[in-house]
PDB file of all heavy atoms in Angstrom:
ATOM      1  N   ALA A   1    -106.153 114.658  51.219  1.00  0.00           N
ATOM      2  CA  ALA A   1    -105.650 113.881  52.368  1.00  0.00           C
ATOM      3  C   ALA A   1    -104.182 114.150  52.644  1.00  0.00           C
ATOM      4  O   ALA A   1    -103.711 113.937  53.767  1.00  0.00           O
ATOM      5  CB  ALA A   1    -105.888 112.394  52.126  1.00  0.00           C
ATOM      6  N   ARG A   2    -103.446 114.632  51.643  1.00  0.00           N
ATOM      7  CA  ARG A   2    -102.015 114.915  51.832  1.00  0.00           C
ATOM      8  C   ARG A   2    -101.778 116.259  52.511  1.00  0.00           C
ATOM      9  O   ARG A   2    -100.676 116.524  52.980  1.00  0.00           O
ATOM     10  CB  ARG A   2    -101.289 114.884  50.487  1.00  0.00           C
ATOM     11  CG  ARG A   2    -101.371 113.514  49.809  1.00  0.00           C
ATOM     12  CD  ARG A   2    -100.888 113.601  48.403  1.00  0.00           C
ATOM     13  NE  ARG A   2    -101.804 114.504  47.669  1.00  0.00           N
ATOM     14  CZ  ARG A   2    -101.767 114.716  46.376  1.00  0.00           C
ATOM     15  NH1 ARG A   2    -100.862 114.145  45.645  1.00  0.00           N
ATOM     16  NH2 ARG A   2    -102.629 115.522  45.802  1.00  0.00           N
ATOM     17  N   SER A   3    -102.809 117.104  52.594  1.00  0.00           N
ATOM     18  CA  SER A   3    -102.647 118.421  53.204  1.00  0.00           C
ATOM     19  C   SER A   3    -102.776 118.317  54.730  1.00  0.00           C
ATOM     20  O   SER A   3    -103.329 117.359  55.262  1.00  0.00           O
ATOM     21  CB  SER A   3    -103.690 119.396  52.666  1.00  0.00           C
ATOM     22  OG  SER A   3    -104.978 119.043  53.147  1.00  0.00           O
ATOM     23  N   ARG A   4    -102.281 119.335  55.407  1.00  0.00           N
ATOM     24  CA  ARG A   4    -102.378 119.348  56.871  1.00  0.00           C
ATOM     25  C   ARG A   4    -103.849 119.396  57.291  1.00  0.00           C
ATOM     26  O   ARG A   4    -104.260 118.705  58.211  1.00  0.00           O
ATOM     27  CB  ARG A   4    -101.615 120.545  57.436  1.00  0.00           C
ATOM     28  CG  ARG A   4    -101.556 120.509  58.968  1.00  0.00           C
ATOM     29  CD  ARG A   4    -100.653 121.543  59.518  1.00  0.00           C
ATOM     30  NE  ARG A   4    -101.275 122.853  59.283  1.00  0.00           N
ATOM     31  CZ  ARG A   4    -100.680 124.002  59.529  1.00  0.00           C
ATOM     32  NH1 ARG A   4     -99.452 124.034  59.986  1.00  0.00           N
ATOM     33  NH2 ARG A   4    -101.303 125.137  59.302  1.00  0.00           N
ATOM     34  N   ARG A   5    -104.626 120.204  56.619  1.00  0.00           N
ATOM     35  CA  ARG A   5    -106.052 120.282  56.929  1.00  0.00           C
ATOM     36  C   ARG A   5    -106.739 118.946  56.686  1.00  0.00           C
ATOM     37  O   ARG A   5    -107.606 118.533  57.449  1.00  0.00           O
ATOM     38  CB  ARG A   5    -106.715 121.382  56.093  1.00  0.00           C
ATOM     39  CG  ARG A   5    -108.062 121.793  56.604  1.00  0.00           C
ATOM     40  CD  ARG A   5    -108.512 123.106  55.979  1.00  0.00           C
ATOM     41  NE  ARG A   5    -108.462 123.089  54.537  1.00  0.00           N
ATOM     42  CZ  ARG A   5    -109.462 122.679  53.757  1.00  0.00           C
ATOM     43  NH1 ARG A   5    -110.580 122.264  54.283  1.00  0.00           N
ATOM     44  NH2 ARG A   5    -109.352 122.704  52.449  1.00  0.00           N
ATOM     45  N   GLY A   6    -106.322 118.250  55.654  1.00  0.00           N
ATOM     46  CA  GLY A   6    -106.894 116.940  55.353  1.00  0.00           C
ATOM     47  C   GLY A   6    -106.570 115.916  56.422  1.00  0.00           C
ATOM     48  O   GLY A   6    -107.364 115.015  56.693  1.00  0.00           O
ATOM     49  N   ARG A   7    -105.404 116.045  57.036  1.00  0.00           N
ATOM     50  CA  ARG A   7    -105.020 115.116  58.106  1.00  0.00           C
ATOM     51  C   ARG A   7    -105.629 115.508  59.446  1.00  0.00           C
ATOM     52  O   ARG A   7    -105.984 114.654  60.244  1.00  0.00           O
ATOM     53  CB  ARG A   7    -103.495 115.073  58.242  1.00  0.00           C
ATOM     54  CG  ARG A   7    -102.794 114.381  57.093  1.00  0.00           C
ATOM     55  CD  ARG A   7    -101.312 114.200  57.384  1.00  0.00           C
ATOM     56  NE  ARG A   7    -100.619 115.457  57.713  1.00  0.00           N
ATOM     57  CZ  ARG A   7    -100.049 116.272  56.835  1.00  0.00           C
ATOM     58  NH1 ARG A   7    -100.097 115.970  55.555  1.00  0.00           N
ATOM     59  NH2 ARG A   7     -99.436 117.372  57.212  1.00  0.00           N
ATOM     60  N   ASP A   8    -105.745 116.815  59.714  1.00  0.00           N
ATOM     61  CA  ASP A   8    -106.132 117.288  61.043  1.00  0.00           C
ATOM     62  C   ASP A   8    -107.627 117.525  61.224  1.00  0.00           C
ATOM     63  O   ASP A   8    -108.132 117.411  62.334  1.00  0.00           O
ATOM     64  CB  ASP A   8    -105.391 118.591  61.374  1.00  0.00           C
ATOM     65  CG  ASP A   8    -103.889 118.404  61.424  1.00  0.00           C
ATOM     66  OD1 ASP A   8    -103.435 117.233  61.523  1.00  0.00           O
ATOM     67  OD2 ASP A   8    -103.161 119.411  61.352  1.00  0.00           O
ATOM     68  N   GLU A   9    -108.318 117.880  60.165  1.00  0.00           N
ATOM     69  CA  GLU A   9    -109.730 118.236  60.286  1.00  0.00           C
ATOM     70  C   GLU A   9    -110.576 116.980  60.443  1.00  0.00           C
ATOM     71  O   GLU A   9    -110.541 116.092  59.602  1.00  0.00           O
ATOM     72  CB  GLU A   9    -110.175 119.008  59.041  1.00  0.00           C
ATOM     73  CG  GLU A   9    -111.581 119.557  59.123  1.00  0.00           C
ATOM     74  CD  GLU A   9    -111.931 120.339  57.875  1.00  0.00           C
ATOM     75  OE1 GLU A   9    -111.413 121.457  57.713  1.00  0.00           O
ATOM     76  OE2 GLU A   9    -112.704 119.810  57.056  1.00  0.00           O
ATOM     77  N   PRO A  10    -111.365 116.893  61.526  1.00  0.00           N
ATOM     78  CA  PRO A  10    -112.192 115.697  61.706  1.00  0.00           C
ATOM     79  C   PRO A  10    -113.316 115.622  60.676  1.00  0.00           C
ATOM     80  O   PRO A  10    -113.930 116.636  60.340  1.00  0.00           O
ATOM     81  CB  PRO A  10    -112.765 115.848  63.124  1.00  0.00           C
ATOM     82  CG  PRO A  10    -112.585 117.276  63.481  1.00  0.00           C
ATOM     83  CD  PRO A  10    -111.488 117.840  62.620  1.00  0.00           C
ATOM     84  N   ALA A  11    -113.552 114.432  60.172  1.00  0.00           N
ATOM     85  CA  ALA A  11    -114.576 114.238  59.135  1.00  0.00           C
ATOM     86  C   ALA A  11    -115.975 114.558  59.651  1.00  0.00           C
ATOM     87  O   ALA A  11    -116.849 114.952  58.879  1.00  0.00           O
ATOM     88  CB  ALA A  11    -114.525 112.806  58.617  1.00  0.00           C
ATOM     89  N   GLU A  12    -116.199 114.429  60.965  1.00  0.00           N
ATOM     90  CA  GLU A  12    -117.529 114.662  61.520  1.00  0.00           C
ATOM     91  C   GLU A  12    -117.964 116.120  61.388  1.00  0.00           C
ATOM     92  O   GLU A  12    -119.148 116.423  61.429  1.00  0.00           O
ATOM     93  CB  GLU A  12    -117.593 114.284  63.016  1.00  0.00           C
ATOM     94  CG  GLU A  12    -117.168 112.875  63.339  1.00  0.00           C
ATOM     95  CD  GLU A  12    -115.658 112.741  63.515  1.00  0.00           C
ATOM     96  OE1 GLU A  12    -115.048 113.531  64.254  1.00  0.00           O
ATOM     97  OE2 GLU A  12    -115.100 111.843  62.885  1.00  0.00           O
ATOM     98  N   THR A  13    -117.010 117.040  61.267  1.00  0.00           N
ATOM     99  CA  THR A  13    -117.363 118.459  61.194  1.00  0.00           C
ATOM    100  C   THR A  13    -117.740 118.902  59.782  1.00  0.00           C
ATOM    101  O   THR A  13    -118.228 120.005  59.603  1.00  0.00           O
ATOM    102  CB  THR A  13    -116.200 119.337  61.683  1.00  0.00           C
ATOM    103  OG1 THR A  13    -115.073 119.137  60.823  1.00  0.00           O
ATOM    104  CG2 THR A  13    -115.832 119.018  63.117  1.00  0.00           C
ATOM    105  N   ARG A  14    -117.524 118.071  58.809  1.00  0.00           N
ATOM    106  CA  ARG A  14    -117.799 118.441  57.423  1.00  0.00           C
ATOM    107  C   ARG A  14    -119.283 118.314  57.110  1.00  0.00           C
ATOM    108  O   ARG A  14    -119.946 117.392  57.549  1.00  0.00           O
ATOM    109  CB  ARG A  14    -116.991 117.563  56.479  1.00  0.00           C
ATOM    110  CG  ARG A  14    -115.507 117.730  56.670  1.00  0.00           C
ATOM    111  CD  ARG A  14    -114.722 116.877  55.691  1.00  0.00           C
ATOM    112  NE  ARG A  14    -113.321 116.896  56.081  1.00  0.00           N
ATOM    113  CZ  ARG A  14    -112.560 115.827  56.138  1.00  0.00           C
ATOM    114  NH1 ARG A  14    -113.041 114.643  55.797  1.00  0.00           N
ATOM    115  NH2 ARG A  14    -111.307 115.914  56.511  1.00  0.00           N
ATOM    116  N   LEU A  15    -119.764 119.251  56.310  1.00  0.00           N
ATOM    117  CA  LEU A  15    -121.161 119.252  55.868  1.00  0.00           C
ATOM    118  C   LEU A  15    -121.214 119.001  54.366  1.00  0.00           C
ATOM    119  O   LEU A  15    -120.297 119.363  53.634  1.00  0.00           O
ATOM    120  CB  LEU A  15    -121.817 120.606  56.148  1.00  0.00           C
ATOM    121  CG  LEU A  15    -121.973 121.033  57.598  1.00  0.00           C
ATOM    122  CD1 LEU A  15    -122.491 122.472  57.664  1.00  0.00           C
ATOM    123  CD2 LEU A  15    -122.889 120.104  58.340  1.00  0.00           C
ATOM    124  N   SER A  16    -122.328 118.439  53.912  1.00  0.00           N
ATOM    125  CA  SER A  16    -122.535 118.338  52.469  1.00  0.00           C
ATOM    126  C   SER A  16    -122.714 119.761  51.939  1.00  0.00           C
ATOM    127  O   SER A  16    -123.003 120.693  52.690  1.00  0.00           O
ATOM    128  CB  SER A  16    -123.768 117.494  52.165  1.00  0.00           C
ATOM    129  OG  SER A  16    -124.936 118.162  52.591  1.00  0.00           O
ATOM    130  N   ARG A  17    -122.547 119.928  50.633  1.00  0.00           N
ATOM    131  CA  ARG A  17    -122.697 121.260  50.051  1.00  0.00           C
ATOM    132  C   ARG A  17    -124.104 121.805  50.292  1.00  0.00           C
ATOM    133  O   ARG A  17    -124.276 122.969  50.618  1.00  0.00           O
ATOM    134  CB  ARG A  17    -122.388 121.228  48.559  1.00  0.00           C
ATOM    135  CG  ARG A  17    -120.920 121.105  48.259  1.00  0.00           C
ATOM    136  CD  ARG A  17    -120.648 121.231  46.762  1.00  0.00           C
ATOM    137  NE  ARG A  17    -119.223 121.161  46.503  1.00  0.00           N
ATOM    138  CZ  ARG A  17    -118.578 120.029  46.226  1.00  0.00           C
ATOM    139  NH1 ARG A  17    -119.239 118.887  46.162  1.00  0.00           N
ATOM    140  NH2 ARG A  17    -117.276 120.041  46.008  1.00  0.00           N
ATOM    141  N   ILE A  18    -125.110 120.950  50.155  1.00  0.00           N
ATOM    142  CA  ILE A  18    -126.483 121.428  50.339  1.00  0.00           C
ATOM    143  C   ILE A  18    -126.715 121.835  51.789  1.00  0.00           C
ATOM    144  O   ILE A  18    -127.363 122.844  52.062  1.00  0.00           O
ATOM    145  CB  ILE A  18    -127.534 120.399  49.848  1.00  0.00           C
ATOM    146  CG1 ILE A  18    -128.940 121.006  49.822  1.00  0.00           C
ATOM    147  CG2 ILE A  18    -127.540 119.144  50.691  1.00  0.00           C
ATOM    148  CD1 ILE A  18    -129.155 122.037  48.778  1.00  0.00           C
ATOM    149  N   ASP A  19    -126.166 121.072  52.751  1.00  0.00           N
ATOM    150  CA  ASP A  19    -126.331 121.435  54.160  1.00  0.00           C
ATOM    151  C   ASP A  19    -125.592 122.730  54.487  1.00  0.00           C
ATOM    152  O   ASP A  19    -126.076 123.547  55.274  1.00  0.00           O
ATOM    153  CB  ASP A  19    -125.851 120.302  55.069  1.00  0.00           C
ATOM    154  CG  ASP A  19    -126.786 119.099  55.030  1.00  0.00           C
ATOM    155  OD1 ASP A  19    -127.964 119.274  54.658  1.00  0.00           O
ATOM    156  OD2 ASP A  19    -126.331 117.989  55.369  1.00  0.00           O
ATOM    157  N   ASP A  20    -124.428 122.917  53.875  1.00  0.00           N
ATOM    158  CA  ASP A  20    -123.675 124.153  54.086  1.00  0.00           C
ATOM    159  C   ASP A  20    -124.446 125.349  53.530  1.00  0.00           C
ATOM    160  O   ASP A  20    -124.522 126.400  54.162  1.00  0.00           O
ATOM    161  CB  ASP A  20    -122.294 124.048  53.439  1.00  0.00           C
ATOM    162  CG  ASP A  20    -121.405 125.227  53.759  1.00  0.00           C
ATOM    163  OD1 ASP A  20    -121.341 125.628  54.950  1.00  0.00           O
ATOM    164  OD2 ASP A  20    -120.776 125.761  52.826  1.00  0.00           O
ATOM    165  N   LEU A  21    -125.043 125.187  52.350  1.00  0.00           N
ATOM    166  CA  LEU A  21    -125.846 126.271  51.767  1.00  0.00           C
ATOM    167  C   LEU A  21    -127.067 126.571  52.634  1.00  0.00           C
ATOM    168  O   LEU A  21    -127.419 127.732  52.836  1.00  0.00           O
ATOM    169  CB  LEU A  21    -126.275 125.917  50.344  1.00  0.00           C
ATOM    170  CG  LEU A  21    -125.165 125.908  49.293  1.00  0.00           C
ATOM    171  CD1 LEU A  21    -125.682 125.335  47.983  1.00  0.00           C
ATOM    172  CD2 LEU A  21    -124.584 127.284  49.092  1.00  0.00           C
ATOM    173  N   LYS A  22    -127.703 125.529  53.154  1.00  0.00           N
ATOM    174  CA  LYS A  22    -128.854 125.740  54.040  1.00  0.00           C
ATOM    175  C   LYS A  22    -128.432 126.490  55.294  1.00  0.00           C
ATOM    176  O   LYS A  22    -129.133 127.384  55.757  1.00  0.00           O
ATOM    177  CB  LYS A  22    -129.479 124.401  54.423  1.00  0.00           C
ATOM    178  CG  LYS A  22    -130.275 123.754  53.324  1.00  0.00           C
ATOM    179  CD  LYS A  22    -130.808 122.408  53.770  1.00  0.00           C
ATOM    180  CE  LYS A  22    -131.540 121.698  52.654  1.00  0.00           C
ATOM    181  NZ  LYS A  22    -131.980 120.345  53.059  1.00  0.00           N
ATOM    182  N   ARG A  23    -127.275 126.119  55.862  1.00  0.00           N
ATOM    183  CA  ARG A  23    -126.768 126.779  57.063  1.00  0.00           C
ATOM    184  C   ARG A  23    -126.529 128.263  56.797  1.00  0.00           C
ATOM    185  O   ARG A  23    -126.784 129.110  57.641  1.00  0.00           O
ATOM    186  CB  ARG A  23    -125.467 126.107  57.520  1.00  0.00           C
ATOM    187  CG  ARG A  23    -124.888 126.641  58.816  1.00  0.00           C
ATOM    188  CD  ARG A  23    -123.629 125.897  59.235  1.00  0.00           C
ATOM    189  NE  ARG A  23    -122.588 125.885  58.230  1.00  0.00           N
ATOM    190  CZ  ARG A  23    -121.712 126.869  58.029  1.00  0.00           C
ATOM    191  NH1 ARG A  23    -121.741 127.942  58.757  1.00  0.00           N
ATOM    192  NH2 ARG A  23    -120.785 126.757  57.097  1.00  0.00           N
ATOM    193  N   LYS A  24    -126.060 128.567  55.590  1.00  0.00           N
ATOM    194  CA  LYS A  24    -125.801 129.959  55.208  1.00  0.00           C
ATOM    195  C   LYS A  24    -127.049 130.662  54.678  1.00  0.00           C
ATOM    196  O   LYS A  24    -126.988 131.821  54.286  1.00  0.00           O
ATOM    197  CB  LYS A  24    -124.710 130.008  54.133  1.00  0.00           C
ATOM    198  CG  LYS A  24    -123.357 129.539  54.626  1.00  0.00           C
ATOM    199  CD  LYS A  24    -122.358 129.484  53.480  1.00  0.00           C
ATOM    200  CE  LYS A  24    -120.998 129.003  53.929  1.00  0.00           C
ATOM    201  NZ  LYS A  24    -120.072 128.837  52.794  1.00  0.00           N
ATOM    202  N   LYS A  25    -128.161 129.926  54.635  1.00  0.00           N
ATOM    203  CA  LYS A  25    -129.438 130.447  54.130  1.00  0.00           C
ATOM    204  C   LYS A  25    -129.337 130.908  52.676  1.00  0.00           C
ATOM    205  O   LYS A  25    -129.849 131.955  52.291  1.00  0.00           O
ATOM    206  CB  LYS A  25    -129.961 131.569  55.024  1.00  0.00           C
ATOM    207  CG  LYS A  25    -130.297 131.107  56.426  1.00  0.00           C
ATOM    208  CD  LYS A  25    -130.811 132.250  57.262  1.00  0.00           C
ATOM    209  CE  LYS A  25    -131.301 131.812  58.603  1.00  0.00           C
ATOM    210  NZ  LYS A  25    -130.365 131.309  59.542  1.00  0.00           N
ATOM    211  N   ILE A  26    -128.645 130.092  51.876  1.00  0.00           N
ATOM    212  CA  ILE A  26    -128.505 130.358  50.438  1.00  0.00           C
ATOM    213  C   ILE A  26    -129.296 129.296  49.691  1.00  0.00           C
ATOM    214  O   ILE A  26    -129.104 128.101  49.907  1.00  0.00           O
ATOM    215  CB  ILE A  26    -127.026 130.313  50.000  1.00  0.00           C
ATOM    216  CG1 ILE A  26    -126.227 131.406  50.701  1.00  0.00           C
ATOM    217  CG2 ILE A  26    -126.916 130.430  48.485  1.00  0.00           C
ATOM    218  CD1 ILE A  26    -124.730 131.318  50.460  1.00  0.00           C
ATOM    219  N   LEU A  27    -130.184 129.735  48.833  1.00  0.00           N
ATOM    220  CA  LEU A  27    -130.950 128.821  47.998  1.00  0.00           C
ATOM    221  C   LEU A  27    -130.100 128.464  46.782  1.00  0.00           C
ATOM    222  O   LEU A  27    -129.714 129.352  46.019  1.00  0.00           O
ATOM    223  CB  LEU A  27    -132.261 129.478  47.555  1.00  0.00           C
ATOM    224  CG  LEU A  27    -133.192 128.623  46.715  1.00  0.00           C
ATOM    225  CD1 LEU A  27    -133.698 127.444  47.543  1.00  0.00           C
ATOM    226  CD2 LEU A  27    -134.362 129.457  46.229  1.00  0.00           C
ATOM    227  N   PRO A  28    -129.768 127.186  46.601  1.00  0.00           N
ATOM    228  CA  PRO A  28    -128.919 126.843  45.456  1.00  0.00           C
ATOM    229  C   PRO A  28    -129.655 127.056  44.144  1.00  0.00           C
ATOM    230  O   PRO A  28    -130.832 126.719  44.025  1.00  0.00           O
ATOM    231  CB  PRO A  28    -128.600 125.357  45.670  1.00  0.00           C
ATOM    232  CG  PRO A  28    -129.701 124.849  46.516  1.00  0.00           C
ATOM    233  CD  PRO A  28    -130.170 126.014  47.355  1.00  0.00           C
ATOM    234  N   SER A  29    -128.956 127.647  43.199  1.00  0.00           N
ATOM    235  CA  SER A  29    -129.552 127.791  41.871  1.00  0.00           C
ATOM    236  C   SER A  29    -129.257 126.514  41.101  1.00  0.00           C
ATOM    237  O   SER A  29    -128.163 125.967  41.172  1.00  0.00           O
ATOM    238  CB  SER A  29    -128.997 129.015  41.159  1.00  0.00           C
ATOM    239  OG  SER A  29    -127.598 128.992  41.172  1.00  0.00           O
ATOM    240  N   MET A  30    -130.245 126.031  40.424  1.00  0.00           N
ATOM    241  CA  MET A  30    -130.121 124.774  39.697  1.00  0.00           C
ATOM    242  C   MET A  30    -130.187 125.039  38.192  1.00  0.00           C
ATOM    243  O   MET A  30    -130.771 126.030  37.763  1.00  0.00           O
ATOM    244  CB  MET A  30    -131.256 123.827  40.099  1.00  0.00           C
ATOM    245  CG  MET A  30    -131.246 123.427  41.560  1.00  0.00           C
ATOM    246  SD  MET A  30    -129.825 122.405  41.996  1.00  0.00           S
ATOM    247  CE  MET A  30    -130.266 120.884  41.197  1.00  0.00           C
ATOM    248  N   PRO A  31    -129.599 124.149  37.424  1.00  0.00           N
ATOM    249  CA  PRO A  31    -129.675 124.308  35.965  1.00  0.00           C
ATOM    250  C   PRO A  31    -131.100 124.048  35.481  1.00  0.00           C
ATOM    251  O   PRO A  31    -131.905 123.444  36.196  1.00  0.00           O
ATOM    252  CB  PRO A  31    -128.711 123.234  35.445  1.00  0.00           C
ATOM    253  CG  PRO A  31    -128.670 122.212  36.522  1.00  0.00           C
ATOM    254  CD  PRO A  31    -128.867 122.947  37.816  1.00  0.00           C
ATOM    255  N   PRO A  32    -131.421 124.499  34.275  1.00  0.00           N
ATOM    256  CA  PRO A  32    -132.766 124.243  33.751  1.00  0.00           C
ATOM    257  C   PRO A  32    -133.008 122.739  33.594  1.00  0.00           C
ATOM    258  O   PRO A  32    -132.088 121.979  33.312  1.00  0.00           O
ATOM    259  CB  PRO A  32    -132.773 124.945  32.392  1.00  0.00           C
ATOM    260  CG  PRO A  32    -131.372 125.298  32.093  1.00  0.00           C
ATOM    261  CD  PRO A  32    -130.580 125.225  33.358  1.00  0.00           C
ATOM    262  N   ASN A  33    -134.245 122.331  33.815  1.00  0.00           N
ATOM    263  CA  ASN A  33    -134.616 120.920  33.703  1.00  0.00           C
ATOM    264  C   ASN A  33    -135.784 120.816  32.722  1.00  0.00           C
ATOM    265  O   ASN A  33    -136.922 121.079  33.096  1.00  0.00           O
ATOM    266  CB  ASN A  33    -135.006 120.373  35.074  1.00  0.00           C
ATOM    267  CG  ASN A  33    -135.340 118.897  35.032  1.00  0.00           C
ATOM    268  OD1 ASN A  33    -135.366 118.279  33.984  1.00  0.00           O
ATOM    269  ND2 ASN A  33    -135.622 118.338  36.191  1.00  0.00           N
ATOM    270  N   PRO A  34    -135.506 120.420  31.480  1.00  0.00           N
ATOM    271  CA  PRO A  34    -136.578 120.368  30.484  1.00  0.00           C
ATOM    272  C   PRO A  34    -137.537 119.189  30.669  1.00  0.00           C
ATOM    273  O   PRO A  34    -138.579 119.151  30.025  1.00  0.00           O
ATOM    274  CB  PRO A  34    -135.813 120.239  29.163  1.00  0.00           C
ATOM    275  CG  PRO A  34    -134.524 119.601  29.544  1.00  0.00           C
ATOM    276  CD  PRO A  34    -134.204 120.084  30.925  1.00  0.00           C
ATOM    277  N   ALA A  35    -137.204 118.233  31.543  1.00  0.00           N
ATOM    278  CA  ALA A  35    -138.069 117.067  31.750  1.00  0.00           C
ATOM    279  C   ALA A  35    -138.172 116.745  33.243  1.00  0.00           C
ATOM    280  O   ALA A  35    -137.688 115.714  33.700  1.00  0.00           O
ATOM    281  CB  ALA A  35    -137.527 115.872  30.970  1.00  0.00           C
ATOM    282  N   PRO A  36    -138.803 117.642  34.024  1.00  0.00           N
ATOM    283  CA  PRO A  36    -138.854 117.422  35.470  1.00  0.00           C
ATOM    284  C   PRO A  36    -139.568 116.133  35.874  1.00  0.00           C
ATOM    285  O   PRO A  36    -139.250 115.550  36.906  1.00  0.00           O
ATOM    286  CB  PRO A  36    -139.575 118.658  36.011  1.00  0.00           C
ATOM    287  CG  PRO A  36    -140.291 119.240  34.852  1.00  0.00           C
ATOM    288  CD  PRO A  36    -139.505 118.857  33.637  1.00  0.00           C
ATOM    289  N   HIS A  37    -140.502 115.666  35.057  1.00  0.00           N
ATOM    290  CA  HIS A  37    -141.203 114.423  35.405  1.00  0.00           C
ATOM    291  C   HIS A  37    -140.237 113.234  35.438  1.00  0.00           C
ATOM    292  O   HIS A  37    -140.370 112.353  36.278  1.00  0.00           O
ATOM    293  CB  HIS A  37    -142.367 114.174  34.438  1.00  0.00           C
ATOM    294  CG  HIS A  37    -141.956 113.990  33.010  1.00  0.00           C
ATOM    295  ND1 HIS A  37    -141.468 115.026  32.246  1.00  0.00           N
ATOM    296  CD2 HIS A  37    -141.939 112.896  32.230  1.00  0.00           C
ATOM    297  CE1 HIS A  37    -141.186 114.565  31.030  1.00  0.00           C
ATOM    298  NE2 HIS A  37    -141.448 113.280  31.000  1.00  0.00           N
ATOM    299  N   ILE A  38    -139.241 113.229  34.566  1.00  0.00           N
ATOM    300  CA  ILE A  38    -138.283 112.116  34.541  1.00  0.00           C
ATOM    301  C   ILE A  38    -137.385 112.163  35.780  1.00  0.00           C
ATOM    302  O   ILE A  38    -137.157 111.136  36.426  1.00  0.00           O
ATOM    303  CB  ILE A  38    -137.466 112.124  33.231  1.00  0.00           C
ATOM    304  CG1 ILE A  38    -138.400 111.819  32.042  1.00  0.00           C
ATOM    305  CG2 ILE A  38    -136.325 111.105  33.301  1.00  0.00           C
ATOM    306  CD1 ILE A  38    -137.746 111.895  30.688  1.00  0.00           C
ATOM    307  N   THR A  39    -136.901 113.345  36.132  1.00  0.00           N
ATOM    308  CA  THR A  39    -136.073 113.426  37.341  1.00  0.00           C
ATOM    309  C   THR A  39    -136.914 113.163  38.585  1.00  0.00           C
ATOM    310  O   THR A  39    -136.416 112.567  39.551  1.00  0.00           O
ATOM    311  CB  THR A  39    -135.343 114.779  37.446  1.00  0.00           C
ATOM    312  OG1 THR A  39    -136.287 115.845  37.317  1.00  0.00           O
ATOM    313  CG2 THR A  39    -134.270 114.905  36.385  1.00  0.00           C
ATOM    314  N   ASP A  40    -138.179 113.554  38.575  1.00  0.00           N
ATOM    315  CA  ASP A  40    -139.056 113.232  39.706  1.00  0.00           C
ATOM    316  C   ASP A  40    -139.201 111.722  39.859  1.00  0.00           C
ATOM    317  O   ASP A  40    -139.184 111.201  40.980  1.00  0.00           O
ATOM    318  CB  ASP A  40    -140.439 113.866  39.530  1.00  0.00           C
ATOM    319  CG  ASP A  40    -140.430 115.378  39.720  1.00  0.00           C
ATOM    320  OD1 ASP A  40    -139.421 115.918  40.239  1.00  0.00           O
ATOM    321  OD2 ASP A  40    -141.429 116.022  39.338  1.00  0.00           O
ATOM    322  N   TRP A  41    -139.344 111.010  38.756  1.00  0.00           N
ATOM    323  CA  TRP A  41    -139.447 109.549  38.819  1.00  0.00           C
ATOM    324  C   TRP A  41    -138.158 108.947  39.378  1.00  0.00           C
ATOM    325  O   TRP A  41    -138.203 108.038  40.200  1.00  0.00           O
ATOM    326  CB  TRP A  41    -139.738 108.967  37.444  1.00  0.00           C
ATOM    327  CG  TRP A  41    -141.113 109.263  36.905  1.00  0.00           C
ATOM    328  CD1 TRP A  41    -142.231 109.576  37.639  1.00  0.00           C
ATOM    329  CD2 TRP A  41    -141.515 109.278  35.548  1.00  0.00           C
ATOM    330  NE1 TRP A  41    -143.300 109.784  36.807  1.00  0.00           N
ATOM    331  CE2 TRP A  41    -142.897 109.599  35.502  1.00  0.00           C
ATOM    332  CE3 TRP A  41    -140.856 109.049  34.348  1.00  0.00           C
ATOM    333  CZ2 TRP A  41    -143.614 109.691  34.325  1.00  0.00           C
ATOM    334  CZ3 TRP A  41    -141.575 109.140  33.163  1.00  0.00           C
ATOM    335  CH2 TRP A  41    -142.940 109.464  33.156  1.00  0.00           C
ATOM    336  N   LEU A  42    -137.018 109.446  38.908  1.00  0.00           N
ATOM    337  CA  LEU A  42    -135.734 108.936  39.404  1.00  0.00           C
ATOM    338  C   LEU A  42    -135.613 109.162  40.912  1.00  0.00           C
ATOM    339  O   LEU A  42    -135.218 108.266  41.653  1.00  0.00           O
ATOM    340  CB  LEU A  42    -134.563 109.603  38.671  1.00  0.00           C
ATOM    341  CG  LEU A  42    -133.169 109.270  39.189  1.00  0.00           C
ATOM    342  CD1 LEU A  42    -132.867 107.784  39.092  1.00  0.00           C
ATOM    343  CD2 LEU A  42    -132.126 110.076  38.438  1.00  0.00           C
TER     344      LEU A  42
END
Protein backbone atom coordinates (compact mmCIF):
# COMPACT_ATOMS: atom_id res chain seq x y z
CA ALA A 1 0.00 0.00 0.00
CA ARG A 2 2.98 2.34 0.48
CA SER A 3 4.11 1.89 -3.15
CA ARG A 4 2.88 4.03 -6.03
CA ARG A 5 1.38 0.97 -7.69
CA GLY A 6 -0.36 0.10 -4.44
CA ARG A 7 -1.93 3.56 -4.30
CA ASP A 8 -2.76 3.92 -8.01
CA GLU A 9 -3.78 0.45 -9.16
CA PRO A 10 -7.52 -0.13 -8.76
CA ALA A 11 -8.41 -3.19 -6.69
CA GLU A 12 -11.07 -4.23 -9.22
CA THR A 13 -8.41 -5.09 -11.81
CA ARG A 14 -6.65 -7.61 -9.58
CA LEU A 15 -7.19 -11.33 -10.08
CA SER A 16 -6.73 -14.18 -7.65
CA ARG A 17 -3.68 -16.33 -8.39
CA ILE A 18 -5.85 -19.18 -9.65
CA ASP A 19 -7.81 -16.85 -11.96
CA ASP A 20 -4.56 -15.37 -13.28
CA LEU A 21 -3.20 -18.87 -13.98
CA LYS A 22 -6.44 -19.81 -15.74
CA ARG A 23 -6.23 -16.64 -17.85
CA LYS A 24 -2.69 -17.62 -18.84
CA LYS A 25 -3.85 -21.21 -19.46
CA ILE A 26 -1.41 -22.60 -16.88
CA LEU A 27 -2.45 -25.61 -14.85
CA PRO A 28 -1.19 -25.06 -11.30
CA SER A 29 0.97 -27.84 -9.96
CA MET A 30 -0.09 -28.91 -6.51
CA PRO A 31 1.86 -30.62 -3.75
CA PRO A 32 1.26 -34.32 -3.12
CA ASN A 33 -1.85 -35.10 -1.08
CA PRO A 34 -1.58 -38.40 0.82
CA ALA A 35 -5.17 -38.14 2.13
CA PRO A 36 -7.38 -36.68 -0.62
CA HIS A 37 -10.56 -37.94 1.06
CA ILE A 38 -9.91 -35.65 4.05
CA THR A 39 -9.34 -32.57 1.91
CA ASP A 40 -12.40 -33.51 -0.16
CA TRP A 41 -14.47 -33.55 3.04
CA LEU A 42 -13.09 -30.16 4.07
